[in-house]
Amino acid sequence: NGMEAAKKIRTVNNSLLIVFVTGYADYVFDG
């Protein structure tokens, strides 16, 4: 899922801007 992918990306890249796209509002705080 997107959150797992984002965590991997952040281990090597902190400058990439990430915008999550979702059908639910439940994940907002995880971002």
PDB file of all heavy atoms in Angstrom:
ATOM      1  N   ASN A   1       0.817  -1.205   0.000  1.00  0.00           N
ATOM      2  CA  ASN A   1       0.000   0.000   0.000  1.00  0.00           C
ATOM      3  C   ASN A   1       0.857   1.264   0.000  1.00  0.00           C
ATOM      4  O   ASN A   1       2.072   1.230   0.185  1.00  0.00           O
ATOM      5  CB  ASN A   1      -1.011  -0.004   1.159  1.00  0.00           C
ATOM      6  CG  ASN A   1      -0.340   0.134   2.522  1.00  0.00           C
ATOM      7  OD1 ASN A   1       0.592   0.896   2.710  1.00  0.00           O
ATOM      8  ND2 ASN A   1      -0.852  -0.623   3.495  1.00  0.00           N
ATOM      9  N   GLY A   2       0.182   2.392  -0.224  1.00  0.00           N
ATOM     10  CA  GLY A   2       0.896   3.649  -0.373  1.00  0.00           C
ATOM     11  C   GLY A   2       1.683   4.061   0.850  1.00  0.00           C
ATOM     12  O   GLY A   2       2.772   4.625   0.729  1.00  0.00           O
ATOM     13  N   MET A   3       1.155   3.791   2.024  1.00  0.00           N
ATOM     14  CA  MET A   3       1.864   4.174   3.243  1.00  0.00           C
ATOM     15  C   MET A   3       3.157   3.380   3.396  1.00  0.00           C
ATOM     16  O   MET A   3       4.203   3.927   3.773  1.00  0.00           O
ATOM     17  CB  MET A   3       0.958   3.942   4.463  1.00  0.00           C
ATOM     18  CG  MET A   3       1.483   4.575   5.743  1.00  0.00           C
ATOM     19  SD  MET A   3       1.672   6.371   5.605  1.00  0.00           S
ATOM     20  CE  MET A   3      -0.022   6.862   5.278  1.00  0.00           C
ATOM     21  N   GLU A   4       3.119   2.082   3.104  1.00  0.00           N
ATOM     22  CA  GLU A   4       4.330   1.256   3.167  1.00  0.00           C
ATOM     23  C   GLU A   4       5.359   1.722   2.146  1.00  0.00           C
ATOM     24  O   GLU A   4       6.561   1.791   2.433  1.00  0.00           O
ATOM     25  CB  GLU A   4       3.963  -0.218   2.920  1.00  0.00           C
ATOM     26  CG  GLU A   4       3.132  -0.833   4.032  1.00  0.00           C
ATOM     27  CD  GLU A   4       2.561  -2.189   3.628  1.00  0.00           C
ATOM     28  OE1 GLU A   4       2.515  -2.474   2.419  1.00  0.00           O
ATOM     29  OE2 GLU A   4       2.145  -2.945   4.524  1.00  0.00           O
ATOM     30  N   ALA A   5       4.893   2.045   0.947  1.00  0.00           N
ATOM     31  CA  ALA A   5       5.796   2.535  -0.100  1.00  0.00           C
ATOM     32  C   ALA A   5       6.428   3.856   0.320  1.00  0.00           C
ATOM     33  O   ALA A   5       7.635   4.077   0.124  1.00  0.00           O
ATOM     34  CB  ALA A   5       5.035   2.712  -1.411  1.00  0.00           C
ATOM     35  N   ALA A   6       5.638   4.740   0.901  1.00  0.00           N
ATOM     36  CA  ALA A   6       6.153   6.042   1.324  1.00  0.00           C
ATOM     37  C   ALA A   6       7.218   5.901   2.403  1.00  0.00           C
ATOM     38  O   ALA A   6       8.230   6.618   2.392  1.00  0.00           O
ATOM     39  CB  ALA A   6       5.002   6.917   1.826  1.00  0.00           C
ATOM     40  N   LYS A   7       7.026   4.982   3.324  1.00  0.00           N
ATOM     41  CA  LYS A   7       8.014   4.764   4.387  1.00  0.00           C
ATOM     42  C   LYS A   7       9.347   4.292   3.810  1.00  0.00           C
ATOM     43  O   LYS A   7      10.420   4.709   4.249  1.00  0.00           O
ATOM     44  CB  LYS A   7       7.482   3.750   5.402  1.00  0.00           C
ATOM     45  CG  LYS A   7       6.356   4.281   6.279  1.00  0.00           C
ATOM     46  CD  LYS A   7       5.810   3.208   7.200  1.00  0.00           C
ATOM     47  CE  LYS A   7       4.660   3.735   8.046  1.00  0.00           C
ATOM     48  NZ  LYS A   7       4.070   2.672   8.902  1.00  0.00           N
ATOM     49  N   LYS A   8       9.282   3.421   2.800  1.00  0.00           N
ATOM     50  CA  LYS A   8      10.516   2.958   2.149  1.00  0.00           C
ATOM     51  C   LYS A   8      11.208   4.104   1.426  1.00  0.00           C
ATOM     52  O   LYS A   8      12.430   4.268   1.508  1.00  0.00           O
ATOM     53  CB  LYS A   8      10.186   1.833   1.164  1.00  0.00           C
ATOM     54  CG  LYS A   8       9.845   0.514   1.812  1.00  0.00           C
ATOM     55  CD  LYS A   8       9.427  -0.521   0.784  1.00  0.00           C
ATOM     56  CE  LYS A   8      10.536  -0.887  -0.169  1.00  0.00           C
ATOM     57  NZ  LYS A   8      10.141  -1.967  -1.108  1.00  0.00           N
ATOM     58  N   ILE A   9      10.434   4.911   0.709  1.00  0.00           N
ATOM     59  CA  ILE A   9      11.004   6.038  -0.025  1.00  0.00           C
ATOM     60  C   ILE A   9      11.688   7.011   0.926  1.00  0.00           C
ATOM     61  O   ILE A   9      12.785   7.514   0.649  1.00  0.00           O
ATOM     62  CB  ILE A   9       9.904   6.763  -0.826  1.00  0.00           C
ATOM     63  CG1 ILE A   9       9.373   5.851  -1.941  1.00  0.00           C
ATOM     64  CG2 ILE A   9      10.424   8.075  -1.412  1.00  0.00           C
ATOM     65  CD1 ILE A   9       8.088   6.359  -2.587  1.00  0.00           C
ATOM     66  N   ARG A  10      11.080   7.250   2.059  1.00  0.00           N
ATOM     67  CA  ARG A  10      11.626   8.219   3.016  1.00  0.00           C
ATOM     68  C   ARG A  10      12.940   7.755   3.653  1.00  0.00           C
ATOM     69  O   ARG A  10      13.673   8.567   4.212  1.00  0.00           O
ATOM     70  CB  ARG A  10      10.601   8.505   4.116  1.00  0.00           C
ATOM     71  CG  ARG A  10       9.490   9.443   3.677  1.00  0.00           C
ATOM     72  CD  ARG A  10      10.024  10.844   3.458  1.00  0.00           C
ATOM     73  NE  ARG A  10       8.971  11.797   3.104  1.00  0.00           N
ATOM     74  CZ  ARG A  10       8.892  12.417   1.946  1.00  0.00           C
ATOM     75  NH1 ARG A  10       9.787  12.171   0.995  1.00  0.00           N
ATOM     76  NH2 ARG A  10       7.941  13.286   1.710  1.00  0.00           N
ATOM     77  N   THR A  11      13.256   6.490   3.563  1.00  0.00           N
ATOM     78  CA  THR A  11      14.537   6.031   4.121  1.00  0.00           C
ATOM     79  C   THR A  11      15.718   6.570   3.324  1.00  0.00           C
ATOM     80  O   THR A  11      16.839   6.632   3.832  1.00  0.00           O
ATOM     81  CB  THR A  11      14.622   4.491   4.157  1.00  0.00           C
ATOM     82  OG1 THR A  11      14.531   3.969   2.818  1.00  0.00           O
ATOM     83  CG2 THR A  11      13.509   3.905   5.005  1.00  0.00           C
ATOM     84  N   VAL A  12      15.490   6.956   2.072  1.00  0.00           N
ATOM     85  CA  VAL A  12      16.584   7.463   1.234  1.00  0.00           C
ATOM     86  C   VAL A  12      16.286   8.831   0.633  1.00  0.00           C
ATOM     87  O   VAL A  12      17.188   9.472   0.075  1.00  0.00           O
ATOM     88  CB  VAL A  12      16.916   6.483   0.087  1.00  0.00           C
ATOM     89  CG1 VAL A  12      17.380   5.152   0.634  1.00  0.00           C
ATOM     90  CG2 VAL A  12      15.714   6.292  -0.828  1.00  0.00           C
ATOM     91  N   ASN A  13      15.058   9.307   0.723  1.00  0.00           N
ATOM     92  CA  ASN A  13      14.694  10.551   0.050  1.00  0.00           C
ATOM     93  C   ASN A  13      13.690  11.331   0.902  1.00  0.00           C
ATOM     94  O   ASN A  13      12.533  10.945   1.025  1.00  0.00           O
ATOM     95  CB  ASN A  13      14.093  10.234  -1.323  1.00  0.00           C
ATOM     96  CG  ASN A  13      13.896  11.473  -2.174  1.00  0.00           C
ATOM     97  OD1 ASN A  13      13.741  12.582  -1.671  1.00  0.00           O
ATOM     98  ND2 ASN A  13      13.904  11.288  -3.481  1.00  0.00           N
ATOM     99  N   ASN A  14      14.155  12.441   1.461  1.00  0.00           N
ATOM    100  CA  ASN A  14      13.283  13.286   2.270  1.00  0.00           C
ATOM    101  C   ASN A  14      12.773  14.501   1.522  1.00  0.00           C
ATOM    102  O   ASN A  14      11.954  15.257   2.046  1.00  0.00           O
ATOM    103  CB  ASN A  14      14.023  13.749   3.530  1.00  0.00           C
ATOM    104  CG  ASN A  14      14.249  12.632   4.519  1.00  0.00           C
ATOM    105  OD1 ASN A  14      13.333  11.845   4.779  1.00  0.00           O
ATOM    106  ND2 ASN A  14      15.441  12.543   5.072  1.00  0.00           N
ATOM    107  N   SER A  15      13.281  14.719   0.309  1.00  0.00           N
ATOM    108  CA  SER A  15      12.902  15.924  -0.430  1.00  0.00           C
ATOM    109  C   SER A  15      11.721  15.709  -1.372  1.00  0.00           C
ATOM    110  O   SER A  15      11.072  16.678  -1.779  1.00  0.00           O
ATOM    111  CB  SER A  15      14.104  16.443  -1.229  1.00  0.00           C
ATOM    112  OG  SER A  15      14.537  15.491  -2.185  1.00  0.00           O
ATOM    113  N   LEU A  16      11.438  14.465  -1.734  1.00  0.00           N
ATOM    114  CA  LEU A  16      10.324  14.185  -2.633  1.00  0.00           C
ATOM    115  C   LEU A  16       9.008  14.610  -1.976  1.00  0.00           C
ATOM    116  O   LEU A  16       8.731  14.263  -0.829  1.00  0.00           O
ATOM    117  CB  LEU A  16      10.271  12.695  -2.961  1.00  0.00           C
ATOM    118  CG  LEU A  16       9.091  12.223  -3.811  1.00  0.00           C
ATOM    119  CD1 LEU A  16       9.188  12.794  -5.218  1.00  0.00           C
ATOM    120  CD2 LEU A  16       9.027  10.708  -3.844  1.00  0.00           C
ATOM    121  N   LEU A  17       8.190  15.347  -2.718  1.00  0.00           N
ATOM    122  CA  LEU A  17       6.875  15.759  -2.221  1.00  0.00           C
ATOM    123  C   LEU A  17       5.873  14.649  -2.522  1.00  0.00           C
ATOM    124  O   LEU A  17       5.731  14.222  -3.663  1.00  0.00           O
ATOM    125  CB  LEU A  17       6.441  17.062  -2.892  1.00  0.00           C
ATOM    126  CG  LEU A  17       7.358  18.272  -2.657  1.00  0.00           C
ATOM    127  CD1 LEU A  17       6.841  19.482  -3.439  1.00  0.00           C
ATOM    128  CD2 LEU A  17       7.472  18.590  -1.180  1.00  0.00           C
ATOM    129  N   ILE A  18       5.193  14.189  -1.480  1.00  0.00           N
ATOM    130  CA  ILE A  18       4.243  13.082  -1.614  1.00  0.00           C
ATOM    131  C   ILE A  18       2.831  13.572  -1.309  1.00  0.00           C
ATOM    132  O   ILE A  18       2.587  14.191  -0.272  1.00  0.00           O
ATOM    133  CB  ILE A  18       4.600  11.921  -0.671  1.00  0.00           C
ATOM    134  CG1 ILE A  18       5.974  11.344  -1.022  1.00  0.00           C
ATOM    135  CG2 ILE A  18       3.538  10.823  -0.733  1.00  0.00           C
ATOM    136  CD1 ILE A  18       6.450  10.255  -0.073  1.00  0.00           C
ATOM    137  N   VAL A  19       1.917  13.298  -2.228  1.00  0.00           N
ATOM    138  CA  VAL A  19       0.500  13.593  -2.015  1.00  0.00           C
ATOM    139  C   VAL A  19      -0.250  12.266  -2.054  1.00  0.00           C
ATOM    140  O   VAL A  19      -0.217  11.558  -3.066  1.00  0.00           O
ATOM    141  CB  VAL A  19      -0.048  14.541  -3.101  1.00  0.00           C
ATOM    142  CG1 VAL A  19      -1.556  14.715  -2.932  1.00  0.00           C
ATOM    143  CG2 VAL A  19       0.645  15.891  -3.032  1.00  0.00           C
ATOM    144  N   PHE A  20      -0.894  11.919  -0.958  1.00  0.00           N
ATOM    145  CA  PHE A  20      -1.667  10.680  -0.920  1.00  0.00           C
ATOM    146  C   PHE A  20      -3.033  10.883  -1.564  1.00  0.00           C
ATOM    147  O   PHE A  20      -3.662  11.934  -1.401  1.00  0.00           O
ATOM    148  CB  PHE A  20      -1.853  10.210   0.522  1.00  0.00           C
ATOM    149  CG  PHE A  20      -0.620   9.593   1.119  1.00  0.00           C
ATOM    150  CD1 PHE A  20       0.063  10.231   2.141  1.00  0.00           C
ATOM    151  CD2 PHE A  20      -0.138   8.378   0.652  1.00  0.00           C
ATOM    152  CE1 PHE A  20       1.199   9.666   2.690  1.00  0.00           C
ATOM    153  CE2 PHE A  20       1.000   7.809   1.193  1.00  0.00           C
ATOM    154  CZ  PHE A  20       1.670   8.457   2.213  1.00  0.00           C
ATOM    155  N   VAL A  21      -3.450   9.873  -2.306  1.00  0.00           N
ATOM    156  CA  VAL A  21      -4.772   9.883  -2.936  1.00  0.00           C
ATOM    157  C   VAL A  21      -5.541   8.690  -2.374  1.00  0.00           C
ATOM    158  O   VAL A  21      -5.055   7.556  -2.400  1.00  0.00           O
ATOM    159  CB  VAL A  21      -4.660   9.764  -4.468  1.00  0.00           C
ATOM    160  CG1 VAL A  21      -6.041   9.876  -5.103  1.00  0.00           C
ATOM    161  CG2 VAL A  21      -3.736  10.844  -5.021  1.00  0.00           C
ATOM    162  N   THR A  22      -6.716   8.916  -1.856  1.00  0.00           N
ATOM    163  CA  THR A  22      -7.444   7.839  -1.188  1.00  0.00           C
ATOM    164  C   THR A  22      -8.954   8.043  -1.315  1.00  0.00           C
ATOM    165  O   THR A  22      -9.427   9.144  -1.579  1.00  0.00           O
ATOM    166  CB  THR A  22      -7.064   7.794   0.310  1.00  0.00           C
ATOM    167  OG1 THR A  22      -7.829   6.794   0.969  1.00  0.00           O
ATOM    168  CG2 THR A  22      -7.310   9.126   0.991  1.00  0.00           C
ATOM    169  N   GLY A  23      -9.664   6.960  -1.141  1.00  0.00           N
ATOM    170  CA  GLY A  23     -11.119   7.032  -1.137  1.00  0.00           C
ATOM    171  C   GLY A  23     -11.672   7.226   0.261  1.00  0.00           C
ATOM    172  O   GLY A  23     -12.885   7.359   0.441  1.00  0.00           O
ATOM    173  N   TYR A  24     -10.802   7.240   1.279  1.00  0.00           N
ATOM    174  CA  TYR A  24     -11.238   7.322   2.673  1.00  0.00           C
ATOM    175  C   TYR A  24     -10.445   8.392   3.417  1.00  0.00           C
ATOM    176  O   TYR A  24      -9.267   8.622   3.135  1.00  0.00           O
ATOM    177  CB  TYR A  24     -11.047   5.978   3.385  1.00  0.00           C
ATOM    178  CG  TYR A  24     -11.668   4.812   2.643  1.00  0.00           C
ATOM    179  CD1 TYR A  24     -10.898   4.055   1.759  1.00  0.00           C
ATOM    180  CD2 TYR A  24     -13.004   4.479   2.816  1.00  0.00           C
ATOM    181  CE1 TYR A  24     -11.452   2.992   1.064  1.00  0.00           C
ATOM    182  CE2 TYR A  24     -13.562   3.419   2.122  1.00  0.00           C
ATOM    183  CZ  TYR A  24     -12.785   2.683   1.247  1.00  0.00           C
ATOM    184  OH  TYR A  24     -13.343   1.639   0.565  1.00  0.00           O
ATOM    185  N   ALA A  25     -11.077   9.005   4.384  1.00  0.00           N
ATOM    186  CA  ALA A  25     -10.410  10.038   5.179  1.00  0.00           C
ATOM    187  C   ALA A  25      -9.669   9.448   6.382  1.00  0.00           C
ATOM    188  O   ALA A  25      -8.970  10.162   7.090  1.00  0.00           O
ATOM    189  CB  ALA A  25     -11.437  11.063   5.666  1.00  0.00           C
ATOM    190  N   ASP A  26      -9.790   8.134   6.599  1.00  0.00           N
ATOM    191  CA  ASP A  26      -9.232   7.512   7.797  1.00  0.00           C
ATOM    192  C   ASP A  26      -7.707   7.591   7.869  1.00  0.00           C
ATOM    193  O   ASP A  26      -7.122   7.493   8.942  1.00  0.00           O
ATOM    194  CB  ASP A  26      -9.644   6.035   7.868  1.00  0.00           C
ATOM    195  CG  ASP A  26     -11.147   5.858   7.882  1.00  0.00           C
ATOM    196  OD1 ASP A  26     -11.850   6.882   8.036  1.00  0.00           O
ATOM    197  OD2 ASP A  26     -11.612   4.725   7.732  1.00  0.00           O
ATOM    198  N   TYR A  27      -7.037   7.725   6.709  1.00  0.00           N
ATOM    199  CA  TYR A  27      -5.583   7.643   6.677  1.00  0.00           C
ATOM    200  C   TYR A  27      -4.884   8.996   6.832  1.00  0.00           C
ATOM    201  O   TYR A  27      -3.663   9.064   6.823  1.00  0.00           O
ATOM    202  CB  TYR A  27      -5.126   7.031   5.352  1.00  0.00           C
ATOM    203  CG  TYR A  27      -5.597   5.618   5.131  1.00  0.00           C
ATOM    204  CD1 TYR A  27      -6.743   5.368   4.371  1.00  0.00           C
ATOM    205  CD2 TYR A  27      -4.895   4.536   5.663  1.00  0.00           C
ATOM    206  CE1 TYR A  27      -7.178   4.063   4.158  1.00  0.00           C
ATOM    207  CE2 TYR A  27      -5.327   3.244   5.452  1.00  0.00           C
ATOM    208  CZ  TYR A  27      -6.471   3.009   4.700  1.00  0.00           C
ATOM    209  OH  TYR A  27      -6.891   1.724   4.493  1.00  0.00           O
ATOM    210  N   VAL A  28      -5.658  10.054   6.947  1.00  0.00           N
ATOM    211  CA  VAL A  28      -5.059  11.392   6.905  1.00  0.00           C
ATOM    212  C   VAL A  28      -3.966  11.574   7.942  1.00  0.00           C
ATOM    213  O   VAL A  28      -2.877  12.060   7.641  1.00  0.00           O
ATOM    214  CB  VAL A  28      -6.155  12.472   7.085  1.00  0.00           C
ATOM    215  CG1 VAL A  28      -5.512  13.847   7.243  1.00  0.00           C
ATOM    216  CG2 VAL A  28      -7.104  12.452   5.898  1.00  0.00           C
ATOM    217  N   PHE A  29      -4.222  11.171   9.179  1.00  0.00           N
ATOM    218  CA  PHE A  29      -3.236  11.407  10.228  1.00  0.00           C
ATOM    219  C   PHE A  29      -1.985  10.558  10.042  1.00  0.00           C
ATOM    220  O   PHE A  29      -0.904  10.938  10.471  1.00  0.00           O
ATOM    221  CB  PHE A  29      -3.862  11.154  11.606  1.00  0.00           C
ATOM    222  CG  PHE A  29      -4.867  12.204  11.988  1.00  0.00           C
ATOM    223  CD1 PHE A  29      -6.221  11.923  11.944  1.00  0.00           C
ATOM    224  CD2 PHE A  29      -4.457  13.479  12.361  1.00  0.00           C
ATOM    225  CE1 PHE A  29      -7.153  12.895  12.274  1.00  0.00           C
ATOM    226  CE2 PHE A  29      -5.388  14.453  12.700  1.00  0.00           C
ATOM    227  CZ  PHE A  29      -6.747  14.169  12.660  1.00  0.00           C
ATOM    228  N   ASP A  30      -2.099   9.403   9.389  1.00  0.00           N
ATOM    229  CA  ASP A  30      -0.924   8.575   9.125  1.00  0.00           C
ATOM    230  C   ASP A  30       0.070   9.286   8.218  1.00  0.00           C
ATOM    231  O   ASP A  30       1.262   9.022   8.246  1.00  0.00           O
ATOM    232  CB  ASP A  30      -1.339   7.252   8.473  1.00  0.00           C
ATOM    233  CG  ASP A  30      -2.075   6.338   9.441  1.00  0.00           C
ATOM    234  OD1 ASP A  30      -1.887   6.529  10.668  1.00  0.00           O
ATOM    235  OD2 ASP A  30      -2.823   5.470   8.995  1.00  0.00           O
ATOM    236  N   GLY A  31      -0.411  10.203   7.413  1.00  0.00           N
ATOM    237  CA  GLY A  31       0.455  10.905   6.481  1.00  0.00           C
ATOM    238  C   GLY A  31       1.517  11.742   7.158  1.00  0.00           C
ATOM    239  O   GLY A  31       2.587  11.987   6.584  1.00  0.00           O
TER     240      GLY A  31
END
